[in-house]
Amino acid sequence: MKNIILILSLFISSFAFSQDVTVVHFNYQWNSHNGFKKLDNLKSAKVQYAYIENQSKNLQESIKSVPTIIIYKGDKPVARFEAGLSMKIEIPLDKLQEIVNRYKN
C-alpha cells in the first residue's frame, strides 16, 4: 500500500506545482467513450487525464473500476469517485466543484 501511495504521490506532484488542488481522471483507452467529459469546466483545479495502461503496475493494480476520478490536495487524495456497473461516473460536476472549492487555497 505504501508503494501505491508513493507512486501516486510522485505522479501527482509532477502536475501540482502551481495549484493546490489537482483532479486526475484515470481510465483505459478502450473505455474512453465513458470518460467524464466535463472535468475541464472545473475552476481552481488542475485537471489531468491518465490512461491506466500507460502507468506502472502498482498504479494499475490500485484502480479497480474505470473511470476513476481522484481529487488531490497537494499530494494527498481527498476524494475518490469510481464508476459503477455502467462504467460511467454518475456524479454531477457541481458536486466535484464543491469539493475543489473546499480544498482550494
N, C-alpha and C. Protein backbone atom coordinates (compact mmCIF):
# COMPACT_ATOMS: atom_id res chain seq x y z
N MET A 1 0.82 -1.19 0.00
CA MET A 1 0.00 0.00 0.00
C MET A 1 0.87 1.26 0.00
N LYS A 2 1.98 1.23 0.76
CA LYS A 2 2.88 2.38 0.78
C LYS A 2 3.43 2.66 -0.61
N ASN A 3 3.74 1.59 -1.37
CA ASN A 3 4.27 1.77 -2.71
C ASN A 3 3.25 2.45 -3.62
N ILE A 4 2.00 2.07 -3.50
CA ILE A 4 0.96 2.66 -4.33
C ILE A 4 0.81 4.14 -4.00
N ILE A 5 0.79 4.46 -2.71
CA ILE A 5 0.66 5.85 -2.30
C ILE A 5 1.87 6.65 -2.76
N LEU A 6 3.05 6.09 -2.65
CA LEU A 6 4.25 6.77 -3.09
C LEU A 6 4.20 7.04 -4.60
N ILE A 7 3.82 6.05 -5.37
CA ILE A 7 3.75 6.21 -6.82
C ILE A 7 2.72 7.27 -7.19
N LEU A 8 1.54 7.20 -6.57
CA LEU A 8 0.52 8.21 -6.83
C LEU A 8 1.02 9.60 -6.44
N SER A 9 1.69 9.70 -5.31
CA SER A 9 2.20 10.99 -4.87
C SER A 9 3.22 11.55 -5.85
N LEU A 10 4.12 10.70 -6.32
CA LEU A 10 5.11 11.15 -7.30
C LEU A 10 4.44 11.56 -8.60
N PHE A 11 3.46 10.79 -9.02
CA PHE A 11 2.74 11.09 -10.25
C PHE A 11 2.05 12.44 -10.15
N ILE A 12 1.36 12.65 -9.07
CA ILE A 12 0.59 13.88 -8.88
C ILE A 12 1.50 15.07 -8.61
N SER A 13 2.55 14.89 -7.85
CA SER A 13 3.41 16.03 -7.52
C SER A 13 4.02 16.64 -8.77
N SER A 14 4.22 15.86 -9.81
CA SER A 14 4.76 16.41 -11.05
C SER A 14 3.77 17.34 -11.74
N PHE A 15 2.48 17.25 -11.40
CA PHE A 15 1.47 18.09 -12.02
C PHE A 15 1.00 19.23 -11.11
N ALA A 16 1.34 19.19 -9.86
CA ALA A 16 0.72 20.10 -8.90
C ALA A 16 1.62 21.25 -8.48
N PHE A 17 2.50 21.72 -9.33
CA PHE A 17 3.42 22.78 -8.95
C PHE A 17 2.70 24.09 -8.64
N SER A 18 1.77 24.49 -9.47
CA SER A 18 1.20 25.83 -9.34
C SER A 18 -0.17 25.84 -8.66
N GLN A 19 -0.78 24.70 -8.45
CA GLN A 19 -2.10 24.68 -7.85
C GLN A 19 -2.15 23.65 -6.74
N ASP A 20 -2.93 23.97 -5.73
CA ASP A 20 -3.03 23.08 -4.59
C ASP A 20 -3.99 21.93 -4.83
N VAL A 21 -4.96 22.09 -5.74
CA VAL A 21 -5.95 21.05 -5.99
C VAL A 21 -5.74 20.50 -7.39
N THR A 22 -5.58 19.19 -7.47
CA THR A 22 -5.41 18.52 -8.75
C THR A 22 -6.46 17.42 -8.86
N VAL A 23 -7.10 17.34 -10.00
CA VAL A 23 -8.10 16.31 -10.28
C VAL A 23 -7.53 15.42 -11.37
N VAL A 24 -7.43 14.12 -11.08
CA VAL A 24 -6.88 13.18 -12.06
C VAL A 24 -7.97 12.20 -12.46
N HIS A 25 -8.15 12.08 -13.75
CA HIS A 25 -9.15 11.18 -14.35
C HIS A 25 -8.39 9.97 -14.91
N PHE A 26 -8.58 8.82 -14.28
CA PHE A 26 -7.94 7.59 -14.73
C PHE A 26 -8.94 6.77 -15.54
N ASN A 27 -8.49 6.24 -16.66
CA ASN A 27 -9.35 5.42 -17.49
C ASN A 27 -8.47 4.55 -18.39
N TYR A 28 -9.06 3.55 -18.99
CA TYR A 28 -8.39 2.77 -20.03
C TYR A 28 -8.75 3.35 -21.38
N GLN A 29 -7.87 3.24 -22.34
CA GLN A 29 -8.16 3.75 -23.68
C GLN A 29 -9.41 3.09 -24.27
N TRP A 30 -9.59 1.79 -24.04
CA TRP A 30 -10.74 1.10 -24.61
C TRP A 30 -12.06 1.59 -24.01
N ASN A 31 -12.00 2.30 -22.87
CA ASN A 31 -13.21 2.80 -22.22
C ASN A 31 -13.32 4.32 -22.31
N SER A 32 -12.55 4.93 -23.18
CA SER A 32 -12.51 6.39 -23.22
C SER A 32 -13.86 7.01 -23.58
N HIS A 33 -14.72 6.29 -24.28
CA HIS A 33 -16.05 6.82 -24.61
C HIS A 33 -16.91 7.00 -23.36
N ASN A 34 -16.54 6.38 -22.25
CA ASN A 34 -17.27 6.53 -20.98
C ASN A 34 -16.60 7.52 -20.04
N GLY A 35 -15.64 8.26 -20.52
CA GLY A 35 -14.94 9.22 -19.67
C GLY A 35 -15.86 10.34 -19.20
N PHE A 36 -15.46 10.98 -18.11
CA PHE A 36 -16.21 12.11 -17.57
C PHE A 36 -15.79 13.34 -18.36
N LYS A 37 -16.64 13.80 -19.25
CA LYS A 37 -16.28 14.80 -20.26
C LYS A 37 -16.23 16.24 -19.75
N LYS A 38 -16.77 16.54 -18.59
CA LYS A 38 -16.92 17.93 -18.15
C LYS A 38 -15.83 18.41 -17.20
N LEU A 39 -14.82 17.62 -16.93
CA LEU A 39 -13.81 18.00 -15.94
C LEU A 39 -13.09 19.29 -16.30
N ASP A 40 -12.92 19.57 -17.57
CA ASP A 40 -12.21 20.78 -17.96
C ASP A 40 -12.97 22.05 -17.59
N ASN A 41 -14.23 21.91 -17.17
CA ASN A 41 -15.02 23.06 -16.73
C ASN A 41 -14.81 23.38 -15.25
N LEU A 42 -14.05 22.56 -14.53
CA LEU A 42 -13.78 22.84 -13.12
C LEU A 42 -12.91 24.08 -13.00
N LYS A 43 -13.17 24.88 -11.99
CA LYS A 43 -12.39 26.09 -11.72
C LYS A 43 -11.52 25.86 -10.49
N SER A 44 -10.37 26.50 -10.48
CA SER A 44 -9.43 26.46 -9.35
C SER A 44 -8.83 25.08 -9.12
N ALA A 45 -8.73 24.30 -10.17
CA ALA A 45 -8.10 22.97 -10.06
C ALA A 45 -7.35 22.67 -11.36
N LYS A 46 -6.28 21.96 -11.22
CA LYS A 46 -5.57 21.46 -12.39
C LYS A 46 -6.16 20.09 -12.71
N VAL A 47 -6.52 19.87 -13.95
CA VAL A 47 -7.13 18.61 -14.37
C VAL A 47 -6.14 17.85 -15.24
N GLN A 48 -5.95 16.59 -14.91
CA GLN A 48 -5.06 15.71 -15.67
C GLN A 48 -5.80 14.44 -16.06
N TYR A 49 -5.44 13.89 -17.20
CA TYR A 49 -6.03 12.63 -17.68
C TYR A 49 -4.91 11.61 -17.81
N ALA A 50 -5.17 10.40 -17.36
CA ALA A 50 -4.14 9.36 -17.41
C ALA A 50 -4.77 8.05 -17.87
N TYR A 51 -4.16 7.43 -18.88
CA TYR A 51 -4.58 6.09 -19.29
C TYR A 51 -3.86 5.08 -18.41
N ILE A 52 -4.62 4.20 -17.85
CA ILE A 52 -4.08 3.24 -16.89
C ILE A 52 -3.05 2.32 -17.53
N GLU A 53 -3.28 1.93 -18.79
CA GLU A 53 -2.33 1.01 -19.42
C GLU A 53 -0.95 1.63 -19.62
N ASN A 54 -0.83 2.95 -19.47
CA ASN A 54 0.46 3.63 -19.61
C ASN A 54 1.12 3.89 -18.26
N GLN A 55 0.54 3.38 -17.18
CA GLN A 55 1.04 3.63 -15.84
C GLN A 55 1.77 2.40 -15.29
N SER A 56 2.40 2.58 -14.15
CA SER A 56 3.14 1.48 -13.53
C SER A 56 2.19 0.36 -13.10
N LYS A 57 2.75 -0.80 -12.90
CA LYS A 57 1.97 -1.97 -12.48
C LYS A 57 1.25 -1.70 -11.15
N ASN A 58 1.95 -1.07 -10.20
CA ASN A 58 1.33 -0.78 -8.90
C ASN A 58 0.14 0.16 -9.05
N LEU A 59 0.28 1.17 -9.87
CA LEU A 59 -0.83 2.09 -10.09
C LEU A 59 -1.98 1.37 -10.79
N GLN A 60 -1.67 0.55 -11.77
CA GLN A 60 -2.71 -0.21 -12.47
C GLN A 60 -3.51 -1.07 -11.49
N GLU A 61 -2.82 -1.69 -10.55
CA GLU A 61 -3.49 -2.56 -9.59
C GLU A 61 -4.32 -1.78 -8.57
N SER A 62 -4.02 -0.49 -8.38
CA SER A 62 -4.76 0.30 -7.40
C SER A 62 -6.09 0.81 -7.95
N ILE A 63 -6.26 0.80 -9.26
CA ILE A 63 -7.51 1.26 -9.88
C ILE A 63 -8.38 0.03 -10.13
N LYS A 64 -9.48 -0.06 -9.42
CA LYS A 64 -10.34 -1.24 -9.50
C LYS A 64 -11.53 -1.06 -10.43
N SER A 65 -11.89 0.17 -10.74
CA SER A 65 -13.05 0.46 -11.57
C SER A 65 -12.72 1.64 -12.47
N VAL A 66 -13.19 1.62 -13.70
CA VAL A 66 -12.90 2.73 -14.61
C VAL A 66 -14.19 3.32 -15.15
N PRO A 67 -14.17 4.62 -15.36
CA PRO A 67 -13.12 5.55 -14.95
C PRO A 67 -13.12 5.79 -13.45
N THR A 68 -12.02 6.33 -12.98
CA THR A 68 -11.87 6.74 -11.58
C THR A 68 -11.36 8.18 -11.58
N ILE A 69 -11.96 9.00 -10.74
CA ILE A 69 -11.50 10.38 -10.55
C ILE A 69 -11.01 10.50 -9.11
N ILE A 70 -9.79 11.01 -8.97
CA ILE A 70 -9.23 11.24 -7.65
C ILE A 70 -8.89 12.73 -7.54
N ILE A 71 -9.34 13.35 -6.46
CA ILE A 71 -9.04 14.75 -6.19
C ILE A 71 -7.96 14.80 -5.13
N TYR A 72 -6.89 15.55 -5.42
CA TYR A 72 -5.75 15.67 -4.50
C TYR A 72 -5.64 17.09 -3.99
N LYS A 73 -5.34 17.23 -2.73
CA LYS A 73 -4.92 18.49 -2.13
C LYS A 73 -3.44 18.36 -1.91
N GLY A 74 -2.65 19.07 -2.71
CA GLY A 74 -1.20 18.84 -2.70
C GLY A 74 -0.95 17.44 -3.24
N ASP A 75 -0.33 16.61 -2.43
CA ASP A 75 -0.06 15.23 -2.87
C ASP A 75 -0.91 14.20 -2.13
N LYS A 76 -1.93 14.65 -1.41
CA LYS A 76 -2.78 13.73 -0.64
C LYS A 76 -4.17 13.62 -1.27
N PRO A 77 -4.64 12.40 -1.51
CA PRO A 77 -6.00 12.25 -2.04
C PRO A 77 -7.04 12.66 -0.99
N VAL A 78 -8.02 13.45 -1.43
CA VAL A 78 -9.07 13.90 -0.52
C VAL A 78 -10.45 13.38 -0.93
N ALA A 79 -10.57 12.92 -2.17
CA ALA A 79 -11.85 12.35 -2.63
C ALA A 79 -11.57 11.42 -3.81
N ARG A 80 -12.41 10.41 -3.91
CA ARG A 80 -12.26 9.42 -4.99
C ARG A 80 -13.64 9.02 -5.46
N PHE A 81 -13.81 8.98 -6.78
CA PHE A 81 -15.09 8.59 -7.38
C PHE A 81 -14.80 7.52 -8.43
N GLU A 82 -15.54 6.42 -8.33
CA GLU A 82 -15.34 5.30 -9.25
C GLU A 82 -16.65 4.99 -9.96
N ALA A 83 -16.52 4.53 -11.18
CA ALA A 83 -17.68 4.14 -11.96
C ALA A 83 -18.31 2.88 -11.37
N GLY A 84 -19.59 2.76 -11.60
CA GLY A 84 -20.30 1.56 -11.21
C GLY A 84 -20.37 0.59 -12.38
N LEU A 85 -21.40 -0.22 -12.40
CA LEU A 85 -21.56 -1.20 -13.46
C LEU A 85 -21.74 -0.56 -14.84
N SER A 86 -22.22 0.67 -14.87
CA SER A 86 -22.41 1.38 -16.14
C SER A 86 -21.09 1.81 -16.76
N MET A 87 -19.99 1.72 -16.00
CA MET A 87 -18.66 2.17 -16.41
C MET A 87 -18.65 3.67 -16.69
N LYS A 88 -19.52 4.40 -15.99
CA LYS A 88 -19.57 5.85 -16.06
C LYS A 88 -19.62 6.39 -14.64
N ILE A 89 -19.02 7.54 -14.44
CA ILE A 89 -19.11 8.21 -13.14
C ILE A 89 -20.37 9.05 -13.15
N GLU A 90 -21.22 8.84 -12.16
CA GLU A 90 -22.54 9.45 -12.13
C GLU A 90 -22.64 10.61 -11.14
N ILE A 91 -21.57 11.35 -10.93
CA ILE A 91 -21.62 12.49 -10.01
C ILE A 91 -21.74 13.77 -10.83
N PRO A 92 -22.59 14.69 -10.40
CA PRO A 92 -22.71 15.96 -11.12
C PRO A 92 -21.45 16.81 -10.98
N LEU A 93 -21.16 17.59 -11.99
CA LEU A 93 -19.97 18.44 -11.98
C LEU A 93 -19.99 19.41 -10.80
N ASP A 94 -21.15 19.93 -10.44
CA ASP A 94 -21.21 20.89 -9.33
C ASP A 94 -20.79 20.25 -8.00
N LYS A 95 -21.01 18.97 -7.82
CA LYS A 95 -20.55 18.28 -6.61
C LYS A 95 -19.02 18.19 -6.58
N LEU A 96 -18.42 17.92 -7.75
CA LEU A 96 -16.96 17.91 -7.83
C LEU A 96 -16.41 19.31 -7.54
N GLN A 97 -17.08 20.33 -8.09
CA GLN A 97 -16.64 21.71 -7.86
C GLN A 97 -16.72 22.07 -6.39
N GLU A 98 -17.74 21.59 -5.69
CA GLU A 98 -17.85 21.84 -4.24
C GLU A 98 -16.64 21.30 -3.49
N ILE A 99 -16.21 20.11 -3.87
CA ILE A 99 -15.04 19.51 -3.21
C ILE A 99 -13.78 20.31 -3.53
N VAL A 100 -13.61 20.71 -4.79
CA VAL A 100 -12.47 21.53 -5.17
C VAL A 100 -12.48 22.83 -4.37
N ASN A 101 -13.63 23.47 -4.27
CA ASN A 101 -13.74 24.74 -3.54
C ASN A 101 -13.38 24.57 -2.06
N ARG A 102 -13.75 23.46 -1.51
CA ARG A 102 -13.47 23.19 -0.10
C ARG A 102 -11.97 23.10 0.16
N TYR A 103 -11.20 22.61 -0.80
CA TYR A 103 -9.78 22.37 -0.59
C TYR A 103 -8.86 23.38 -1.26
N LYS A 104 -9.39 24.30 -2.06
CA LYS A 104 -8.51 25.28 -2.70
C LYS A 104 -7.98 26.25 -1.66
N ASN A 105 -6.95 27.00 -2.01
CA ASN A 105 -6.32 27.94 -1.06
C ASN A 105 -7.31 28.76 -0.31
